[in-house]
Each structure stands twice: as C-alpha cells, then as structure tokens.
Amino acid sequence: GNRAQVTSLADLVAESGLQVRETRDYERGVLVRLDRARS
C-alpha cells in the first residue's frame, strides 16, 4: 500500500535472503522489487 509498509518488512526481507532493489510509487499503491543475489 505504501512505503511505510516496505520499511516494516525490511527485517523480514533481509532474514529471507532478499534485498529491496527498488520501490516504485503509484497513485494507489507501491511496487517493490526484491532480488536474490546470484550464487
């Protein structure tokens, strides 16, 4: 829904072996790109 929710999930994202690569804002929500590093 918003960037505050992205921030709230930051620890879980890291614990899951992921990283937030980019967040894009739209009128009715946000999209978050989550990446896993190549081996």
PDB file of all heavy atoms in Angstrom:
ATOM      1  N   GLY A   1       0.777  -1.220   0.000  1.00  0.00           N
ATOM      2  CA  GLY A   1       0.000   0.000   0.000  1.00  0.00           C
ATOM      3  C   GLY A   1       0.810   1.272   0.000  1.00  0.00           C
ATOM      4  O   GLY A   1       0.420   2.274  -0.596  1.00  0.00           O
ATOM      5  N   ASN A   2       1.974   1.257   0.681  1.00  0.00           N
ATOM      6  CA  ASN A   2       2.770   2.472   0.816  1.00  0.00           C
ATOM      7  C   ASN A   2       4.192   2.112   1.237  1.00  0.00           C
ATOM      8  O   ASN A   2       4.495   0.958   1.571  1.00  0.00           O
ATOM      9  CB  ASN A   2       2.126   3.420   1.838  1.00  0.00           C
ATOM     10  CG  ASN A   2       1.825   2.724   3.157  1.00  0.00           C
ATOM     11  OD1 ASN A   2       2.712   2.190   3.806  1.00  0.00           O
ATOM     12  ND2 ASN A   2       0.551   2.710   3.537  1.00  0.00           N
ATOM     13  N   ARG A   3       5.054   3.128   1.239  1.00  0.00           N
ATOM     14  CA  ARG A   3       6.459   2.895   1.580  1.00  0.00           C
ATOM     15  C   ARG A   3       6.656   2.550   3.052  1.00  0.00           C
ATOM     16  O   ARG A   3       7.630   1.879   3.405  1.00  0.00           O
ATOM     17  CB  ARG A   3       7.302   4.114   1.198  1.00  0.00           C
ATOM     18  CG  ARG A   3       7.558   4.210  -0.304  1.00  0.00           C
ATOM     19  CD  ARG A   3       8.434   5.397  -0.668  1.00  0.00           C
ATOM     20  NE  ARG A   3       8.718   5.408  -2.099  1.00  0.00           N
ATOM     21  CZ  ARG A   3       9.874   5.043  -2.638  1.00  0.00           C
ATOM     22  NH1 ARG A   3      10.871   4.637  -1.856  1.00  0.00           N
ATOM     23  NH2 ARG A   3      10.050   5.086  -3.947  1.00  0.00           N
ATOM     24  N   ALA A   4       5.759   3.006   3.921  1.00  0.00           N
ATOM     25  CA  ALA A   4       5.870   2.641   5.334  1.00  0.00           C
ATOM     26  C   ALA A   4       5.760   1.135   5.513  1.00  0.00           C
ATOM     27  O   ALA A   4       6.460   0.545   6.359  1.00  0.00           O
ATOM     28  CB  ALA A   4       4.798   3.359   6.149  1.00  0.00           C
ATOM     29  N   GLN A   5       4.923   0.484   4.720  1.00  0.00           N
ATOM     30  CA  GLN A   5       4.825  -0.969   4.798  1.00  0.00           C
ATOM     31  C   GLN A   5       6.102  -1.635   4.295  1.00  0.00           C
ATOM     32  O   GLN A   5       6.512  -2.668   4.828  1.00  0.00           O
ATOM     33  CB  GLN A   5       3.617  -1.450   3.996  1.00  0.00           C
ATOM     34  CG  GLN A   5       2.278  -1.071   4.625  1.00  0.00           C
ATOM     35  CD  GLN A   5       1.100  -1.645   3.878  1.00  0.00           C
ATOM     36  OE1 GLN A   5       1.131  -1.796   2.656  1.00  0.00           O
ATOM     37  NE2 GLN A   5       0.037  -1.976   4.601  1.00  0.00           N
ATOM     38  N   VAL A   6       6.729  -1.052   3.293  1.00  0.00           N
ATOM     39  CA  VAL A   6       8.016  -1.581   2.816  1.00  0.00           C
ATOM     40  C   VAL A   6       9.032  -1.543   3.947  1.00  0.00           C
ATOM     41  O   VAL A   6       9.752  -2.526   4.198  1.00  0.00           O
ATOM     42  CB  VAL A   6       8.523  -0.773   1.610  1.00  0.00           C
ATOM     43  CG1 VAL A   6       9.847  -1.350   1.110  1.00  0.00           C
ATOM     44  CG2 VAL A   6       7.497  -0.772   0.484  1.00  0.00           C
ATOM     45  N   THR A   7       9.087  -0.426   4.656  1.00  0.00           N
ATOM     46  CA  THR A   7      10.020  -0.286   5.780  1.00  0.00           C
ATOM     47  C   THR A   7       9.722  -1.311   6.870  1.00  0.00           C
ATOM     48  O   THR A   7      10.633  -1.912   7.452  1.00  0.00           O
ATOM     49  CB  THR A   7       9.941   1.135   6.352  1.00  0.00           C
ATOM     50  OG1 THR A   7      10.282   2.071   5.321  1.00  0.00           O
ATOM     51  CG2 THR A   7      10.890   1.308   7.527  1.00  0.00           C
ATOM     52  N   SER A   8       8.439  -1.550   7.138  1.00  0.00           N
ATOM     53  CA  SER A   8       8.053  -2.514   8.176  1.00  0.00           C
ATOM     54  C   SER A   8       8.508  -3.931   7.857  1.00  0.00           C
ATOM     55  O   SER A   8       8.726  -4.739   8.766  1.00  0.00           O
ATOM     56  CB  SER A   8       6.528  -2.494   8.367  1.00  0.00           C
ATOM     57  OG  SER A   8       6.092  -1.246   8.858  1.00  0.00           O
ATOM     58  N   LEU A   9       8.641  -4.234   6.575  1.00  0.00           N
ATOM     59  CA  LEU A   9       9.037  -5.582   6.158  1.00  0.00           C
ATOM     60  C   LEU A   9      10.543  -5.737   5.974  1.00  0.00           C
ATOM     61  O   LEU A   9      11.017  -6.823   5.639  1.00  0.00           O
ATOM     62  CB  LEU A   9       8.349  -5.939   4.841  1.00  0.00           C
ATOM     63  CG  LEU A   9       6.839  -6.146   4.893  1.00  0.00           C
ATOM     64  CD1 LEU A   9       6.286  -6.329   3.483  1.00  0.00           C
ATOM     65  CD2 LEU A   9       6.469  -7.339   5.752  1.00  0.00           C
ATOM     66  N   ALA A  10      11.306  -4.673   6.197  1.00  0.00           N
ATOM     67  CA  ALA A  10      12.734  -4.676   5.866  1.00  0.00           C
ATOM     68  C   ALA A  10      13.494  -5.806   6.559  1.00  0.00           C
ATOM     69  O   ALA A  10      14.320  -6.484   5.929  1.00  0.00           O
ATOM     70  CB  ALA A  10      13.351  -3.323   6.210  1.00  0.00           C
ATOM     71  N   ASP A  11      13.251  -6.006   7.853  1.00  0.00           N
ATOM     72  CA  ASP A  11      13.982  -7.048   8.578  1.00  0.00           C
ATOM     73  C   ASP A  11      13.646  -8.433   8.034  1.00  0.00           C
ATOM     74  O   ASP A  11      14.532  -9.279   7.857  1.00  0.00           O
ATOM     75  CB  ASP A  11      13.667  -6.986  10.076  1.00  0.00           C
ATOM     76  CG  ASP A  11      14.298  -5.788  10.761  1.00  0.00           C
ATOM     77  OD1 ASP A  11      15.207  -5.159  10.158  1.00  0.00           O
ATOM     78  OD2 ASP A  11      13.871  -5.454  11.888  1.00  0.00           O
ATOM     79  N   LEU A  12      12.370  -8.680   7.763  1.00  0.00           N
ATOM     80  CA  LEU A  12      11.967  -9.983   7.235  1.00  0.00           C
ATOM     81  C   LEU A  12      12.556 -10.206   5.848  1.00  0.00           C
ATOM     82  O   LEU A  12      12.964 -11.329   5.513  1.00  0.00           O
ATOM     83  CB  LEU A  12      10.442 -10.078   7.183  1.00  0.00           C
ATOM     84  CG  LEU A  12       9.865 -11.383   6.628  1.00  0.00           C
ATOM     85  CD1 LEU A  12      10.311 -12.579   7.465  1.00  0.00           C
ATOM     86  CD2 LEU A  12       8.339 -11.315   6.569  1.00  0.00           C
ATOM     87  N   VAL A  13      12.602  -9.169   5.030  1.00  0.00           N
ATOM     88  CA  VAL A  13      13.211  -9.281   3.705  1.00  0.00           C
ATOM     89  C   VAL A  13      14.657  -9.737   3.830  1.00  0.00           C
ATOM     90  O   VAL A  13      15.100 -10.679   3.141  1.00  0.00           O
ATOM     91  CB  VAL A  13      13.118  -7.938   2.947  1.00  0.00           C
ATOM     92  CG1 VAL A  13      14.004  -7.956   1.704  1.00  0.00           C
ATOM     93  CG2 VAL A  13      11.675  -7.648   2.560  1.00  0.00           C
ATOM     94  N   ALA A  14      15.412  -9.109   4.731  1.00  0.00           N
ATOM     95  CA  ALA A  14      16.816  -9.477   4.920  1.00  0.00           C
ATOM     96  C   ALA A  14      16.941 -10.891   5.470  1.00  0.00           C
ATOM     97  O   ALA A  14      17.789 -11.679   5.017  1.00  0.00           O
ATOM     98  CB  ALA A  14      17.490  -8.475   5.853  1.00  0.00           C
ATOM     99  N   GLU A  15      16.093 -11.255   6.441  1.00  0.00           N
ATOM    100  CA  GLU A  15      16.133 -12.599   7.017  1.00  0.00           C
ATOM    101  C   GLU A  15      15.813 -13.666   5.979  1.00  0.00           C
ATOM    102  O   GLU A  15      16.255 -14.815   6.107  1.00  0.00           O
ATOM    103  CB  GLU A  15      15.128 -12.696   8.172  1.00  0.00           C
ATOM    104  CG  GLU A  15      15.501 -11.869   9.393  1.00  0.00           C
ATOM    105  CD  GLU A  15      14.350 -11.765  10.374  1.00  0.00           C
ATOM    106  OE1 GLU A  15      13.307 -12.446  10.147  1.00  0.00           O
ATOM    107  OE2 GLU A  15      14.462 -10.994  11.341  1.00  0.00           O
ATOM    108  N   SER A  16      15.068 -13.294   4.958  1.00  0.00           N
ATOM    109  CA  SER A  16      14.662 -14.232   3.911  1.00  0.00           C
ATOM    110  C   SER A  16      15.687 -14.328   2.789  1.00  0.00           C
ATOM    111  O   SER A  16      15.439 -15.004   1.776  1.00  0.00           O
ATOM    112  CB  SER A  16      13.300 -13.816   3.333  1.00  0.00           C
ATOM    113  OG  SER A  16      12.307 -13.816   4.339  1.00  0.00           O
ATOM    114  N   GLY A  17      16.834 -13.676   2.969  1.00  0.00           N
ATOM    115  CA  GLY A  17      17.894 -13.747   1.968  1.00  0.00           C
ATOM    116  C   GLY A  17      17.652 -12.871   0.758  1.00  0.00           C
ATOM    117  O   GLY A  17      18.208 -13.116  -0.313  1.00  0.00           O
ATOM    118  N   LEU A  18      16.838 -11.833   0.926  1.00  0.00           N
ATOM    119  CA  LEU A  18      16.471 -10.957  -0.172  1.00  0.00           C
ATOM    120  C   LEU A  18      16.954  -9.537   0.113  1.00  0.00           C
ATOM    121  O   LEU A  18      17.316  -9.199   1.238  1.00  0.00           O
ATOM    122  CB  LEU A  18      14.951 -10.947  -0.357  1.00  0.00           C
ATOM    123  CG  LEU A  18      14.272 -12.300  -0.560  1.00  0.00           C
ATOM    124  CD1 LEU A  18      12.761 -12.158  -0.435  1.00  0.00           C
ATOM    125  CD2 LEU A  18      14.647 -12.889  -1.922  1.00  0.00           C
ATOM    126  N   GLN A  19      16.916  -8.722  -0.916  1.00  0.00           N
ATOM    127  CA  GLN A  19      17.189  -7.307  -0.729  1.00  0.00           C
ATOM    128  C   GLN A  19      16.205  -6.485  -1.556  1.00  0.00           C
ATOM    129  O   GLN A  19      15.786  -6.895  -2.635  1.00  0.00           O
ATOM    130  CB  GLN A  19      18.616  -6.953  -1.134  1.00  0.00           C
ATOM    131  CG  GLN A  19      18.955  -7.213  -2.589  1.00  0.00           C
ATOM    132  CD  GLN A  19      20.379  -6.819  -2.935  1.00  0.00           C
ATOM    133  OE1 GLN A  19      21.173  -6.505  -2.068  1.00  0.00           O
ATOM    134  NE2 GLN A  19      20.699  -6.836  -4.219  1.00  0.00           N
ATOM    135  N   VAL A  20      15.828  -5.338  -0.995  1.00  0.00           N
ATOM    136  CA  VAL A  20      14.975  -4.413  -1.734  1.00  0.00           C
ATOM    137  C   VAL A  20      15.847  -3.679  -2.741  1.00  0.00           C
ATOM    138  O   VAL A  20      16.743  -2.926  -2.372  1.00  0.00           O
ATOM    139  CB  VAL A  20      14.287  -3.409  -0.796  1.00  0.00           C
ATOM    140  CG1 VAL A  20      13.501  -2.373  -1.614  1.00  0.00           C
ATOM    141  CG2 VAL A  20      13.359  -4.126   0.178  1.00  0.00           C
ATOM    142  N   ARG A  21      15.578  -3.915  -4.001  1.00  0.00           N
ATOM    143  CA  ARG A  21      16.376  -3.300  -5.059  1.00  0.00           C
ATOM    144  C   ARG A  21      15.798  -1.955  -5.498  1.00  0.00           C
ATOM    145  O   ARG A  21      16.534  -1.020  -5.785  1.00  0.00           O
ATOM    146  CB  ARG A  21      16.449  -4.253  -6.250  1.00  0.00           C
ATOM    147  CG  ARG A  21      17.223  -3.736  -7.449  1.00  0.00           C
ATOM    148  CD  ARG A  21      18.712  -3.674  -7.169  1.00  0.00           C
ATOM    149  NE  ARG A  21      19.448  -3.278  -8.349  1.00  0.00           N
ATOM    150  CZ  ARG A  21      19.893  -4.120  -9.286  1.00  0.00           C
ATOM    151  NH1 ARG A  21      19.660  -5.426  -9.158  1.00  0.00           N
ATOM    152  NH2 ARG A  21      20.562  -3.690 -10.323  1.00  0.00           N
ATOM    153  N   GLU A  22      14.455  -1.866  -5.524  1.00  0.00           N
ATOM    154  CA  GLU A  22      13.816  -0.640  -5.994  1.00  0.00           C
ATOM    155  C   GLU A  22      12.361  -0.632  -5.555  1.00  0.00           C
ATOM    156  O   GLU A  22      11.717  -1.669  -5.486  1.00  0.00           O
ATOM    157  CB  GLU A  22      13.895  -0.555  -7.523  1.00  0.00           C
ATOM    158  CG  GLU A  22      13.329   0.724  -8.119  1.00  0.00           C
ATOM    159  CD  GLU A  22      13.385   0.744  -9.644  1.00  0.00           C
ATOM    160  OE1 GLU A  22      13.945  -0.207 -10.239  1.00  0.00           O
ATOM    161  OE2 GLU A  22      12.848   1.696 -10.224  1.00  0.00           O
ATOM    162  N   THR A  23      11.862   0.561  -5.241  1.00  0.00           N
ATOM    163  CA  THR A  23      10.449   0.752  -4.923  1.00  0.00           C
ATOM    164  C   THR A  23       9.879   1.823  -5.839  1.00  0.00           C
ATOM    165  O   THR A  23      10.467   2.896  -5.982  1.00  0.00           O
ATOM    166  CB  THR A  23      10.248   1.168  -3.453  1.00  0.00           C
ATOM    167  OG1 THR A  23      10.786   0.163  -2.596  1.00  0.00           O
ATOM    168  CG2 THR A  23       8.770   1.338  -3.121  1.00  0.00           C
ATOM    169  N   ARG A  24       8.752   1.528  -6.471  1.00  0.00           N
ATOM    170  CA  ARG A  24       8.105   2.476  -7.380  1.00  0.00           C
ATOM    171  C   ARG A  24       6.744   2.866  -6.821  1.00  0.00           C
ATOM    172  O   ARG A  24       5.969   2.012  -6.400  1.00  0.00           O
ATOM    173  CB  ARG A  24       7.950   1.861  -8.770  1.00  0.00           C
ATOM    174  CG  ARG A  24       9.275   1.516  -9.436  1.00  0.00           C
ATOM    175  CD  ARG A  24       9.056   0.927 -10.828  1.00  0.00           C
ATOM    176  NE  ARG A  24      10.329   0.555 -11.459  1.00  0.00           N
ATOM    177  CZ  ARG A  24      10.439  -0.002 -12.667  1.00  0.00           C
ATOM    178  NH1 ARG A  24       9.343  -0.241 -13.384  1.00  0.00           N
ATOM    179  NH2 ARG A  24      11.624  -0.306 -13.153  1.00  0.00           N
ATOM    180  N   ASP A  25       6.462   4.163  -6.840  1.00  0.00           N
ATOM    181  CA  ASP A  25       5.214   4.696  -6.298  1.00  0.00           C
ATOM    182  C   ASP A  25       4.166   4.874  -7.394  1.00  0.00           C
ATOM    183  O   ASP A  25       4.479   5.360  -8.492  1.00  0.00           O
ATOM    184  CB  ASP A  25       5.472   6.047  -5.631  1.00  0.00           C
ATOM    185  CG  ASP A  25       6.376   5.930  -4.427  1.00  0.00           C
ATOM    186  OD1 ASP A  25       5.878   5.586  -3.348  1.00  0.00           O
ATOM    187  OD2 ASP A  25       7.592   6.182  -4.566  1.00  0.00           O
ATOM    188  N   TYR A  26       2.926   4.532  -7.051  1.00  0.00           N
ATOM    189  CA  TYR A  26       1.790   4.733  -7.942  1.00  0.00           C
ATOM    190  C   TYR A  26       0.659   5.369  -7.138  1.00  0.00           C
ATOM    191  O   TYR A  26       0.726   5.444  -5.907  1.00  0.00           O
ATOM    192  CB  TYR A  26       1.349   3.406  -8.559  1.00  0.00           C
ATOM    193  CG  TYR A  26       2.416   2.795  -9.434  1.00  0.00           C
ATOM    194  CD1 TYR A  26       3.405   1.973  -8.884  1.00  0.00           C
ATOM    195  CD2 TYR A  26       2.483   3.069 -10.793  1.00  0.00           C
ATOM    196  CE1 TYR A  26       4.404   1.440  -9.668  1.00  0.00           C
ATOM    197  CE2 TYR A  26       3.476   2.532 -11.593  1.00  0.00           C
ATOM    198  CZ  TYR A  26       4.444   1.723 -11.018  1.00  0.00           C
ATOM    199  OH  TYR A  26       5.450   1.191 -11.801  1.00  0.00           O
ATOM    200  N   GLU A  27      -0.367   5.802  -7.832  1.00  0.00           N
ATOM    201  CA  GLU A  27      -1.445   6.532  -7.161  1.00  0.00           C
ATOM    202  C   GLU A  27      -2.129   5.692  -6.089  1.00  0.00           C
ATOM    203  O   GLU A  27      -2.549   6.207  -5.057  1.00  0.00           O
ATOM    204  CB  GLU A  27      -2.467   6.986  -8.200  1.00  0.00           C
ATOM    205  CG  GLU A  27      -3.603   7.824  -7.623  1.00  0.00           C
ATOM    206  CD  GLU A  27      -4.572   8.309  -8.675  1.00  0.00           C
ATOM    207  OE1 GLU A  27      -4.306   8.092  -9.876  1.00  0.00           O
ATOM    208  OE2 GLU A  27      -5.596   8.905  -8.304  1.00  0.00           O
ATOM    209  N   ARG A  28      -2.216   4.377  -6.311  1.00  0.00           N
ATOM    210  CA  ARG A  28      -2.982   3.541  -5.387  1.00  0.00           C
ATOM    211  C   ARG A  28      -2.143   2.472  -4.698  1.00  0.00           C
ATOM    212  O   ARG A  28      -2.685   1.527  -4.124  1.00  0.00           O
ATOM    213  CB  ARG A  28      -4.146   2.883  -6.132  1.00  0.00           C
ATOM    214  CG  ARG A  28      -5.118   3.898  -6.717  1.00  0.00           C
ATOM    215  CD  ARG A  28      -6.344   3.248  -7.283  1.00  0.00           C
ATOM    216  NE  ARG A  28      -7.135   2.585  -6.250  1.00  0.00           N
ATOM    217  CZ  ARG A  28      -8.301   1.982  -6.476  1.00  0.00           C
ATOM    218  NH1 ARG A  28      -8.796   1.960  -7.698  1.00  0.00           N
ATOM    219  NH2 ARG A  28      -8.964   1.402  -5.502  1.00  0.00           N
ATOM    220  N   GLY A  29      -0.833   2.598  -4.743  1.00  0.00           N
ATOM    221  CA  GLY A  29      -0.002   1.619  -4.064  1.00  0.00           C
ATOM    222  C   GLY A  29       1.446   1.741  -4.494  1.00  0.00           C
ATOM    223  O   GLY A  29       1.828   2.671  -5.209  1.00  0.00           O
ATOM    224  N   VAL A  30       2.269   0.814  -4.020  1.00  0.00           N
ATOM    225  CA  VAL A  30       3.678   0.779  -4.399  1.00  0.00           C
ATOM    226  C   VAL A  30       4.031  -0.623  -4.876  1.00  0.00           C
ATOM    227  O   VAL A  30       3.384  -1.603  -4.498  1.00  0.00           O
ATOM    228  CB  VAL A  30       4.607   1.186  -3.223  1.00  0.00           C
ATOM    229  CG1 VAL A  30       4.299   2.592  -2.751  1.00  0.00           C
ATOM    230  CG2 VAL A  30       4.515   0.188  -2.066  1.00  0.00           C
ATOM    231  N   LEU A  31       5.048  -0.695  -5.718  1.00  0.00           N
ATOM    232  CA  LEU A  31       5.616  -1.965  -6.161  1.00  0.00           C
ATOM    233  C   LEU A  31       7.055  -2.022  -5.701  1.00  0.00           C
ATOM    234  O   LEU A  31       7.802  -1.044  -5.838  1.00  0.00           O
ATOM    235  CB  LEU A  31       5.545  -2.085  -7.681  1.00  0.00           C
ATOM    236  CG  LEU A  31       4.151  -2.076  -8.297  1.00  0.00           C
ATOM    237  CD1 LEU A  31       4.244  -2.149  -9.830  1.00  0.00           C
ATOM    238  CD2 LEU A  31       3.280  -3.221  -7.769  1.00  0.00           C
ATOM    239  N   VAL A  32       7.436  -3.182  -5.186  1.00  0.00           N
ATOM    240  CA  VAL A  32       8.773  -3.364  -4.614  1.00  0.00           C
ATOM    241  C   VAL A  32       9.475  -4.497  -5.337  1.00  0.00           C
ATOM    242  O   VAL A  32       8.941  -5.606  -5.429  1.00  0.00           O
ATOM    243  CB  VAL A  32       8.695  -3.688  -3.113  1.00  0.00           C
ATOM    244  CG1 VAL A  32      10.081  -3.664  -2.487  1.00  0.00           C
ATOM    245  CG2 VAL A  32       7.756  -2.738  -2.382  1.00  0.00           C
ATOM    246  N   ARG A  33      10.659  -4.226  -5.829  1.00  0.00           N
ATOM    247  CA  ARG A  33      11.478  -5.279  -6.440  1.00  0.00           C
ATOM    248  C   ARG A  33      12.368  -5.892  -5.373  1.00  0.00           C
ATOM    249  O   ARG A  33      13.134  -5.207  -4.697  1.00  0.00           O
ATOM    250  CB  ARG A  33      12.339  -4.714  -7.572  1.00  0.00           C
ATOM    251  CG  ARG A  33      13.313  -5.733  -8.151  1.00  0.00           C
ATOM    252  CD  ARG A  33      14.139  -5.120  -9.273  1.00  0.00           C
ATOM    253  NE  ARG A  33      15.216  -6.020  -9.662  1.00  0.00           N
ATOM    254  CZ  ARG A  33      16.112  -5.740 -10.604  1.00  0.00           C
ATOM    255  NH1 ARG A  33      16.037  -4.596 -11.272  1.00  0.00           N
ATOM    256  NH2 ARG A  33      17.081  -6.607 -10.892  1.00  0.00           N
ATOM    257  N   LEU A  34      12.255  -7.219  -5.211  1.00  0.00           N
ATOM    258  CA  LEU A  34      13.059  -7.975  -4.250  1.00  0.00           C
ATOM    259  C   LEU A  34      13.978  -8.912  -5.030  1.00  0.00           C
ATOM    260  O   LEU A  34      13.497  -9.700  -5.846  1.00  0.00           O
ATOM    261  CB  LEU A  34      12.161  -8.782  -3.312  1.00  0.00           C
ATOM    262  CG  LEU A  34      11.125  -8.005  -2.513  1.00  0.00           C
ATOM    263  CD1 LEU A  34      10.251  -8.958  -1.710  1.00  0.00           C
ATOM    264  CD2 LEU A  34      11.796  -7.000  -1.585  1.00  0.00           C
ATOM    265  N   ASP A  35      15.258  -8.829  -4.769  1.00  0.00           N
ATOM    266  CA  ASP A  35      16.234  -9.641  -5.514  1.00  0.00           C
ATOM    267  C   ASP A  35      16.932 -10.645  -4.604  1.00  0.00           C
ATOM    268  O   ASP A  35      17.119 -10.401  -3.407  1.00  0.00           O
ATOM    269  CB  ASP A  35      17.315  -8.749  -6.132  1.00  0.00           C
ATOM    270  CG  ASP A  35      16.840  -8.036  -7.391  1.00  0.00           C
ATOM    271  OD1 ASP A  35      15.660  -8.197  -7.747  1.00  0.00           O
ATOM    272  OD2 ASP A  35      17.650  -7.325  -8.002  1.00  0.00           O
ATOM    273  N   ARG A  36      17.314 -11.763  -5.196  1.00  0.00           N
ATOM    274  CA  ARG A  36      18.241 -12.686  -4.544  1.00  0.00           C
ATOM    275  C   ARG A  36      19.552 -12.648  -5.315  1.00  0.00           C
ATOM    276  O   ARG A  36      19.548 -12.763  -6.555  1.00  0.00           O
ATOM    277  CB  ARG A  36      17.691 -14.122  -4.532  1.00  0.00           C
ATOM    278  CG  ARG A  36      18.658 -15.105  -3.843  1.00  0.00           C
ATOM    279  CD  ARG A  36      18.159 -16.539  -3.898  1.00  0.00           C
ATOM    280  NE  ARG A  36      16.915 -16.726  -3.192  1.00  0.00           N
ATOM    281  CZ  ARG A  36      16.806 -16.711  -1.870  1.00  0.00           C
ATOM    282  NH1 ARG A  36      17.849 -16.485  -1.099  1.00  0.00           N
ATOM    283  NH2 ARG A  36      15.632 -16.925  -1.301  1.00  0.00           N
ATOM    284  N   ALA A  37      20.644 -12.501  -4.594  1.00  0.00           N
ATOM    285  CA  ALA A  37      21.948 -12.421  -5.236  1.00  0.00           C
ATOM    286  C   ALA A  37      22.258 -13.712  -5.969  1.00  0.00           C
ATOM    287  O   ALA A  37      21.854 -14.814  -5.569  1.00  0.00           O
ATOM    288  CB  ALA A  37      23.030 -12.123  -4.217  1.00  0.00           C
ATOM    289  N   ARG A  38      22.993 -13.586  -7.068  1.00  0.00           N
ATOM    290  CA  ARG A  38      23.454 -14.777  -7.782  1.00  0.00           C
ATOM    291  C   ARG A  38      24.482 -15.509  -6.960  1.00  0.00           C
ATOM    292  O   ARG A  38      25.273 -14.907  -6.233  1.00  0.00           O
ATOM    293  CB  ARG A  38      24.057 -14.372  -9.138  1.00  0.00           C
ATOM    294  CG  ARG A  38      23.019 -13.801 -10.109  1.00  0.00           C
ATOM    295  CD  ARG A  38      23.645 -13.447 -11.443  1.00  0.00           C
ATOM    296  NE  ARG A  38      22.659 -12.857 -12.336  1.00  0.00           N
ATOM    297  CZ  ARG A  38      21.865 -13.533 -13.142  1.00  0.00           C
ATOM    298  NH1 ARG A  38      21.962 -14.856 -13.205  1.00  0.00           N
ATOM    299  NH2 ARG A  38      21.001 -12.917 -13.920  1.00  0.00           N
ATOM    300  N   SER A  39      24.504 -16.815  -7.091  1.00  0.00           N
ATOM    301  CA  SER A  39      25.469 -17.637  -6.326  1.00  0.00           C
ATOM    302  C   SER A  39      26.891 -17.341  -6.790  1.00  0.00           C
ATOM    303  O   SER A  39      27.133 -17.114  -7.976  1.00  0.00           O
ATOM    304  CB  SER A  39      25.167 -19.118  -6.521  1.00  0.00           C
ATOM    305  OG  SER A  39      23.869 -19.423  -6.056  1.00  0.00           O
TER     306      SER A  39
END
